[in-house]
Amino acid sequence: MNKAKKILYLMSAGAVVGLVAGLLLAPEKGSETRRKLRRLKEKMARCTEENERKALEELSDALQKELEIVNSKMKHR
């Protein structure tokens, strides 16, 4: 495992440990904590969908530009 993967793994593990500790020590009712977690999950899902859509749009734009370059070169032959 390279250094970057180790760091990412350790950061993820730390985040999970922090989340569990926070849930165990939270002063709120369990139902309130579950509601907050559900909202966070929904927010993260929307964020992921938006990021995927942006990435696909950028890829589509890049491919369109490359296609235009290829078509231009083909016309000049």
PDB file of N, CA and C in Angstrom:
ATOM      1  N   MET A   1       0.851  -1.168   0.000  1.00  0.00           N
ATOM      2  CA  MET A   1       0.000   0.000   0.000  1.00  0.00           C
ATOM      3  C   MET A   1       0.901   1.237   0.000  1.00  0.00           C
ATOM      4  N   ASN A   2       0.629   2.159  -0.922  1.00  0.00           N
ATOM      5  CA  ASN A   2       1.484   3.341  -0.973  1.00  0.00           C
ATOM      6  C   ASN A   2       1.117   4.328   0.137  1.00  0.00           C
ATOM      7  N   LYS A   3       1.934   5.333   0.289  1.00  0.00           N
ATOM      8  CA  LYS A   3       1.797   6.279   1.394  1.00  0.00           C
ATOM      9  C   LYS A   3       0.460   7.028   1.360  1.00  0.00           C
ATOM     10  N   ALA A   4       0.030   7.449   0.185  1.00  0.00           N
ATOM     11  CA  ALA A   4      -1.222   8.199   0.054  1.00  0.00           C
ATOM     12  C   ALA A   4      -2.409   7.343   0.489  1.00  0.00           C
ATOM     13  N   LYS A   5      -2.412   6.072   0.114  1.00  0.00           N
ATOM     14  CA  LYS A   5      -3.509   5.186   0.495  1.00  0.00           C
ATOM     15  C   LYS A   5      -3.519   4.959   1.999  1.00  0.00           C
ATOM     16  N   LYS A   6      -2.342   4.832   2.599  1.00  0.00           N
ATOM     17  CA  LYS A   6      -2.258   4.653   4.048  1.00  0.00           C
ATOM     18  C   LYS A   6      -2.827   5.864   4.774  1.00  0.00           C
ATOM     19  N   ILE A   7      -2.465   7.048   4.292  1.00  0.00           N
ATOM     20  CA  ILE A   7      -2.952   8.282   4.914  1.00  0.00           C
ATOM     21  C   ILE A   7      -4.466   8.371   4.774  1.00  0.00           C
ATOM     22  N   LEU A   8      -4.975   8.079   3.588  1.00  0.00           N
ATOM     23  CA  LEU A   8      -6.422   8.116   3.360  1.00  0.00           C
ATOM     24  C   LEU A   8      -7.132   7.101   4.255  1.00  0.00           C
ATOM     25  N   TYR A   9      -6.567   5.912   4.378  1.00  0.00           N
ATOM     26  CA  TYR A   9      -7.145   4.878   5.227  1.00  0.00           C
ATOM     27  C   TYR A   9      -7.177   5.335   6.687  1.00  0.00           C
ATOM     28  N   LEU A  10      -6.076   5.894   7.162  1.00  0.00           N
ATOM     29  CA  LEU A  10      -6.006   6.345   8.545  1.00  0.00           C
ATOM     30  C   LEU A  10      -6.971   7.501   8.804  1.00  0.00           C
ATOM     31  N   MET A  11      -7.097   8.409   7.855  1.00  0.00           N
ATOM     32  CA  MET A  11      -8.029   9.523   8.015  1.00  0.00           C
ATOM     33  C   MET A  11      -9.468   9.011   8.069  1.00  0.00           C
ATOM     34  N   SER A  12      -9.787   8.058   7.206  1.00  0.00           N
ATOM     35  CA  SER A  12     -11.133   7.483   7.198  1.00  0.00           C
ATOM     36  C   SER A  12     -11.419   6.770   8.508  1.00  0.00           C
ATOM     37  N   ALA A  13     -10.452   6.001   8.979  1.00  0.00           N
ATOM     38  CA  ALA A  13     -10.624   5.289  10.246  1.00  0.00           C
ATOM     39  C   ALA A  13     -10.823   6.285  11.391  1.00  0.00           C
ATOM     40  N   GLY A  14     -10.070   7.363  11.393  1.00  0.00           N
ATOM     41  CA  GLY A  14     -10.213   8.388  12.423  1.00  0.00           C
ATOM     42  C   GLY A  14     -11.580   9.045  12.382  1.00  0.00           C
ATOM     43  N   ALA A  15     -12.082   9.277  11.183  1.00  0.00           N
ATOM     44  CA  ALA A  15     -13.402   9.881  11.043  1.00  0.00           C
ATOM     45  C   ALA A  15     -14.479   8.947  11.586  1.00  0.00           C
ATOM     46  N   VAL A  16     -14.352   7.661  11.310  1.00  0.00           N
ATOM     47  CA  VAL A  16     -15.329   6.692  11.802  1.00  0.00           C
ATOM     48  C   VAL A  16     -15.287   6.627  13.327  1.00  0.00           C
ATOM     49  N   VAL A  17     -14.082   6.578  13.892  1.00  0.00           N
ATOM     50  CA  VAL A  17     -13.941   6.541  15.351  1.00  0.00           C
ATOM     51  C   VAL A  17     -14.549   7.800  15.968  1.00  0.00           C
ATOM     52  N   GLY A  18     -14.299   8.943  15.381  1.00  0.00           N
ATOM     53  CA  GLY A  18     -14.866  10.196  15.879  1.00  0.00           C
ATOM     54  C   GLY A  18     -16.381  10.213  15.797  1.00  0.00           C
ATOM     55  N   LEU A  19     -16.916   9.691  14.711  1.00  0.00           N
ATOM     56  CA  LEU A  19     -18.369   9.638  14.542  1.00  0.00           C
ATOM     57  C   LEU A  19     -19.000   8.742  15.602  1.00  0.00           C
ATOM     58  N   VAL A  20     -18.417   7.579  15.815  1.00  0.00           N
ATOM     59  CA  VAL A  20     -18.958   6.655  16.816  1.00  0.00           C
ATOM     60  C   VAL A  20     -18.881   7.280  18.209  1.00  0.00           C
ATOM     61  N   ALA A  21     -17.756   7.882  18.535  1.00  0.00           N
ATOM     62  CA  ALA A  21     -17.606   8.518  19.848  1.00  0.00           C
ATOM     63  C   ALA A  21     -18.629   9.642  20.014  1.00  0.00           C
ATOM     64  N   GLY A  22     -18.823  10.418  18.980  1.00  0.00           N
ATOM     65  CA  GLY A  22     -19.796  11.506  19.036  1.00  0.00           C
ATOM     66  C   GLY A  22     -21.208  11.003  19.248  1.00  0.00           C
ATOM     67  N   LEU A  23     -21.551   9.898  18.583  1.00  0.00           N
ATOM     68  CA  LEU A  23     -22.887   9.335  18.753  1.00  0.00           C
ATOM     69  C   LEU A  23     -23.082   8.775  20.158  1.00  0.00           C
ATOM     70  N   LEU A  24     -22.046   8.148  20.694  1.00  0.00           N
ATOM     71  CA  LEU A  24     -22.153   7.571  22.033  1.00  0.00           C
ATOM     72  C   LEU A  24     -22.238   8.646  23.114  1.00  0.00           C
ATOM     73  N   LEU A  25     -21.599   9.759  22.887  1.00  0.00           N
ATOM     74  CA  LEU A  25     -21.548  10.816  23.895  1.00  0.00           C
ATOM     75  C   LEU A  25     -22.555  11.940  23.647  1.00  0.00           C
ATOM     76  N   ALA A  26     -23.334  11.808  22.586  1.00  0.00           N
ATOM     77  CA  ALA A  26     -24.281  12.865  22.222  1.00  0.00           C
ATOM     78  C   ALA A  26     -25.333  13.052  23.311  1.00  0.00           C
ATOM     79  N   PRO A  27     -25.637  14.303  23.641  1.00  0.00           N
ATOM     80  CA  PRO A  27     -26.637  14.567  24.683  1.00  0.00           C
ATOM     81  C   PRO A  27     -28.075  14.484  24.172  1.00  0.00           C
ATOM     82  N   GLU A  28     -28.249  14.224  22.889  1.00  0.00           N
ATOM     83  CA  GLU A  28     -29.588  14.200  22.315  1.00  0.00           C
ATOM     84  C   GLU A  28     -30.202  12.814  22.412  1.00  0.00           C
ATOM     85  N   LYS A  29     -31.513  12.749  22.211  1.00  0.00           N
ATOM     86  CA  LYS A  29     -32.216  11.478  22.160  1.00  0.00           C
ATOM     87  C   LYS A  29     -31.756  10.695  20.940  1.00  0.00           C
ATOM     88  N   GLY A  30     -31.896   9.401  21.009  1.00  0.00           N
ATOM     89  CA  GLY A  30     -31.543   8.549  19.874  1.00  0.00           C
ATOM     90  C   GLY A  30     -32.347   8.879  18.632  1.00  0.00           C
ATOM     91  N   SER A  31     -33.622   9.176  18.803  1.00  0.00           N
ATOM     92  CA  SER A  31     -34.479   9.495  17.656  1.00  0.00           C
ATOM     93  C   SER A  31     -34.006  10.771  16.960  1.00  0.00           C
ATOM     94  N   GLU A  32     -33.557  11.745  17.753  1.00  0.00           N
ATOM     95  CA  GLU A  32     -33.056  13.001  17.181  1.00  0.00           C
ATOM     96  C   GLU A  32     -31.747  12.758  16.432  1.00  0.00           C
ATOM     97  N   THR A  33     -30.886  11.935  17.003  1.00  0.00           N
ATOM     98  CA  THR A  33     -29.613  11.612  16.350  1.00  0.00           C
ATOM     99  C   THR A  33     -29.857  10.868  15.044  1.00  0.00           C
ATOM    100  N   ARG A  34     -30.794   9.917  15.044  1.00  0.00           N
ATOM    101  CA  ARG A  34     -31.105   9.176  13.818  1.00  0.00           C
ATOM    102  C   ARG A  34     -31.664  10.102  12.750  1.00  0.00           C
ATOM    103  N   ARG A  35     -32.496  11.073  13.168  1.00  0.00           N
ATOM    104  CA  ARG A  35     -33.055  12.030  12.204  1.00  0.00           C
ATOM    105  C   ARG A  35     -31.940  12.848  11.568  1.00  0.00           C
ATOM    106  N   LYS A  36     -30.999  13.299  12.395  1.00  0.00           N
ATOM    107  CA  LYS A  36     -29.875  14.081  11.875  1.00  0.00           C
ATOM    108  C   LYS A  36     -29.015  13.251  10.931  1.00  0.00           C
ATOM    109  N   LEU A  37     -28.772  11.988  11.290  1.00  0.00           N
ATOM    110  CA  LEU A  37     -27.983  11.111  10.424  1.00  0.00           C
ATOM    111  C   LEU A  37     -28.694  10.868   9.098  1.00  0.00           C
ATOM    112  N   ARG A  38     -30.016  10.701   9.136  1.00  0.00           N
ATOM    113  CA  ARG A  38     -30.785  10.499   7.908  1.00  0.00           C
ATOM    114  C   ARG A  38     -30.673  11.730   6.998  1.00  0.00           C
ATOM    115  N   ARG A  39     -30.788  12.930   7.596  1.00  0.00           N
ATOM    116  CA  ARG A  39     -30.654  14.164   6.808  1.00  0.00           C
ATOM    117  C   ARG A  39     -29.255  14.297   6.213  1.00  0.00           C
ATOM    118  N   LEU A  40     -28.236  13.953   6.992  1.00  0.00           N
ATOM    119  CA  LEU A  40     -26.866  14.014   6.502  1.00  0.00           C
ATOM    120  C   LEU A  40     -26.673  13.051   5.343  1.00  0.00           C
ATOM    121  N   LYS A  41     -27.218  11.852   5.465  1.00  0.00           N
ATOM    122  CA  LYS A  41     -27.114  10.859   4.394  1.00  0.00           C
ATOM    123  C   LYS A  41     -27.766  11.385   3.113  1.00  0.00           C
ATOM    124  N   GLU A  42     -28.956  11.968   3.240  1.00  0.00           N
ATOM    125  CA  GLU A  42     -29.653  12.516   2.078  1.00  0.00           C
ATOM    126  C   GLU A  42     -28.865  13.650   1.441  1.00  0.00           C
ATOM    127  N   LYS A  43     -28.287  14.510   2.280  1.00  0.00           N
ATOM    128  CA  LYS A  43     -27.492  15.629   1.776  1.00  0.00           C
ATOM    129  C   LYS A  43     -26.256  15.126   1.034  1.00  0.00           C
ATOM    130  N   MET A  44     -25.594  14.118   1.596  1.00  0.00           N
ATOM    131  CA  MET A  44     -24.406  13.560   0.953  1.00  0.00           C
ATOM    132  C   MET A  44     -24.761  12.899  -0.371  1.00  0.00           C
ATOM    133  N   ALA A  45     -25.923  12.241  -0.443  1.00  0.00           N
ATOM    134  CA  ALA A  45     -26.361  11.604  -1.688  1.00  0.00           C
ATOM    135  C   ALA A  45     -26.587  12.660  -2.765  1.00  0.00           C
ATOM    136  N   ARG A  46     -27.227  13.773  -2.398  1.00  0.00           N
ATOM    137  CA  ARG A  46     -27.454  14.856  -3.379  1.00  0.00           C
ATOM    138  C   ARG A  46     -26.126  15.433  -3.842  1.00  0.00           C
ATOM    139  N   CYS A  47     -25.206  15.611  -2.915  1.00  0.00           N
ATOM    140  CA  CYS A  47     -23.899  16.175  -3.249  1.00  0.00           C
ATOM    141  C   CYS A  47     -23.166  15.256  -4.214  1.00  0.00           C
ATOM    142  N   THR A  48     -23.215  13.953  -3.955  1.00  0.00           N
ATOM    143  CA  THR A  48     -22.548  12.987  -4.821  1.00  0.00           C
ATOM    144  C   THR A  48     -23.147  13.010  -6.211  1.00  0.00           C
ATOM    145  N   GLU A  49     -24.477  13.046  -6.291  1.00  0.00           N
ATOM    146  CA  GLU A  49     -25.143  13.097  -7.595  1.00  0.00           C
ATOM    147  C   GLU A  49     -24.737  14.350  -8.356  1.00  0.00           C
ATOM    148  N   GLU A  50     -24.662  15.476  -7.663  1.00  0.00           N
ATOM    149  CA  GLU A  50     -24.276  16.734  -8.306  1.00  0.00           C
ATOM    150  C   GLU A  50     -22.837  16.663  -8.808  1.00  0.00           C
ATOM    151  N   ASN A  51     -21.942  16.113  -7.999  1.00  0.00           N
ATOM    152  CA  ASN A  51     -20.547  15.987  -8.417  1.00  0.00           C
ATOM    153  C   ASN A  51     -20.412  15.068  -9.622  1.00  0.00           C
ATOM    154  N   GLU A  52     -21.164  13.966  -9.635  1.00  0.00           N
ATOM    155  CA  GLU A  52     -21.130  13.051 -10.772  1.00  0.00           C
ATOM    156  C   GLU A  52     -21.626  13.751 -12.032  1.00  0.00           C
ATOM    157  N   ARG A  53     -22.711  14.520 -11.898  1.00  0.00           N
ATOM    158  CA  ARG A  53     -23.268  15.222 -13.052  1.00  0.00           C
ATOM    159  C   ARG A  53     -22.261  16.236 -13.603  1.00  0.00           C
ATOM    160  N   LYS A  54     -21.599  16.974 -12.705  1.00  0.00           N
ATOM    161  CA  LYS A  54     -20.598  17.948 -13.148  1.00  0.00           C
ATOM    162  C   LYS A  54     -19.434  17.253 -13.847  1.00  0.00           C
ATOM    163  N   ALA A  55     -18.995  16.131 -13.286  1.00  0.00           N
ATOM    164  CA  ALA A  55     -17.882  15.394 -13.892  1.00  0.00           C
ATOM    165  C   ALA A  55     -18.264  14.888 -15.276  1.00  0.00           C
ATOM    166  N   LEU A  56     -19.491  14.392 -15.428  1.00  0.00           N
ATOM    167  CA  LEU A  56     -19.938  13.915 -16.732  1.00  0.00           C
ATOM    168  C   LEU A  56     -20.042  15.056 -17.734  1.00  0.00           C
ATOM    169  N   GLU A  57     -20.496  16.213 -17.287  1.00  0.00           N
ATOM    170  CA  GLU A  57     -20.577  17.370 -18.180  1.00  0.00           C
ATOM    171  C   GLU A  57     -19.186  17.793 -18.644  1.00  0.00           C
ATOM    172  N   GLU A  58     -18.222  17.809 -17.726  1.00  0.00           N
ATOM    173  CA  GLU A  58     -16.853  18.178 -18.079  1.00  0.00           C
ATOM    174  C   GLU A  58     -16.258  17.172 -19.057  1.00  0.00           C
ATOM    175  N   LEU A  59     -16.511  15.887 -18.820  1.00  0.00           N
ATOM    176  CA  LEU A  59     -16.012  14.850 -19.718  1.00  0.00           C
ATOM    177  C   LEU A  59     -16.648  14.994 -21.089  1.00  0.00           C
ATOM    178  N   SER A  60     -17.946  15.255 -21.123  1.00  0.00           N
ATOM    179  CA  SER A  60     -18.641  15.434 -22.393  1.00  0.00           C
ATOM    180  C   SER A  60     -18.081  16.624 -23.163  1.00  0.00           C
ATOM    181  N   ASP A  61     -17.838  17.730 -22.473  1.00  0.00           N
ATOM    182  CA  ASP A  61     -17.265  18.907 -23.122  1.00  0.00           C
ATOM    183  C   ASP A  61     -15.877  18.606 -23.690  1.00  0.00           C
ATOM    184  N   ALA A  62     -15.057  17.905 -22.908  1.00  0.00           N
ATOM    185  CA  ALA A  62     -13.704  17.573 -23.357  1.00  0.00           C
ATOM    186  C   ALA A  62     -13.751  16.656 -24.571  1.00  0.00           C
ATOM    187  N   LEU A  63     -14.645  15.680 -24.549  1.00  0.00           N
ATOM    188  CA  LEU A  63     -14.765  14.770 -25.688  1.00  0.00           C
ATOM    189  C   LEU A  63     -15.269  15.506 -26.923  1.00  0.00           C
ATOM    190  N   GLN A  64     -16.185  16.430 -26.740  1.00  0.00           N
ATOM    191  CA  GLN A  64     -16.701  17.206 -27.875  1.00  0.00           C
ATOM    192  C   GLN A  64     -15.581  18.027 -28.509  1.00  0.00           C
ATOM    193  N   LYS A  65     -14.734  18.639 -27.697  1.00  0.00           N
ATOM    194  CA  LYS A  65     -13.612  19.419 -28.220  1.00  0.00           C
ATOM    195  C   LYS A  65     -12.648  18.536 -28.994  1.00  0.00           C
ATOM    196  N   GLU A  66     -12.353  17.357 -28.461  1.00  0.00           N
ATOM    197  CA  GLU A  66     -11.460  16.422 -29.142  1.00  0.00           C
ATOM    198  C   GLU A  66     -12.061  15.967 -30.465  1.00  0.00           C
ATOM    199  N   LEU A  67     -13.360  15.720 -30.476  1.00  0.00           N
ATOM    200  CA  LEU A  67     -14.033  15.312 -31.701  1.00  0.00           C
ATOM    201  C   LEU A  67     -13.958  16.415 -32.750  1.00  0.00           C
ATOM    202  N   GLU A  68     -14.118  17.654 -32.331  1.00  0.00           N
ATOM    203  CA  GLU A  68     -14.015  18.783 -33.256  1.00  0.00           C
ATOM    204  C   GLU A  68     -12.610  18.874 -33.847  1.00  0.00           C
ATOM    205  N   ILE A  69     -11.596  18.646 -33.037  1.00  0.00           N
ATOM    206  CA  ILE A  69     -10.208  18.675 -33.517  1.00  0.00           C
ATOM    207  C   ILE A  69      -9.989  17.573 -34.543  1.00  0.00           C
ATOM    208  N   VAL A  70     -10.458  16.373 -34.251  1.00  0.00           N
ATOM    209  CA  VAL A  70     -10.291  15.245 -35.177  1.00  0.00           C
ATOM    210  C   VAL A  70     -11.021  15.526 -36.479  1.00  0.00           C
ATOM    211  N   ASN A  71     -12.256  16.023 -36.395  1.00  0.00           N
ATOM    212  CA  ASN A  71     -13.022  16.330 -37.609  1.00  0.00           C
ATOM    213  C   ASN A  71     -12.316  17.402 -38.435  1.00  0.00           C
ATOM    214  N   SER A  72     -11.751  18.386 -37.774  1.00  0.00           N
ATOM    215  CA  SER A  72     -11.031  19.449 -38.473  1.00  0.00           C
ATOM    216  C   SER A  72      -9.831  18.903 -39.204  1.00  0.00           C
ATOM    217  N   LYS A  73      -9.083  18.014 -38.568  1.00  0.00           N
ATOM    218  CA  LYS A  73      -7.913  17.416 -39.206  1.00  0.00           C
ATOM    219  C   LYS A  73      -8.312  16.534 -40.372  1.00  0.00           C
ATOM    220  N   MET A  74      -9.431  15.828 -40.259  1.00  0.00           N
ATOM    221  CA  MET A  74      -9.889  14.947 -41.320  1.00  0.00           C
ATOM    222  C   MET A  74     -10.301  15.750 -42.552  1.00  0.00           C
ATOM    223  N   LYS A  75     -10.877  16.941 -42.354  1.00  0.00           N
ATOM    224  CA  LYS A  75     -11.294  17.775 -43.467  1.00  0.00           C
ATOM    225  C   LYS A  75     -10.111  18.318 -44.252  1.00  0.00           C
ATOM    226  N   HIS A  76      -8.987  18.531 -43.580  1.00  0.00           N
ATOM    227  CA  HIS A  76      -7.814  19.112 -44.208  1.00  0.00           C
ATOM    228  C   HIS A  76      -6.970  18.080 -44.948  1.00  0.00           C
ATOM    229  N   ARG A  77      -7.345  16.853 -44.928  1.00  0.00           N
ATOM    230  CA  ARG A  77      -6.576  15.810 -45.634  1.00  0.00           C
ATOM    231  C   ARG A  77      -6.934  15.731 -47.072  1.00  0.00           C
TER     232      ARG A  77
END
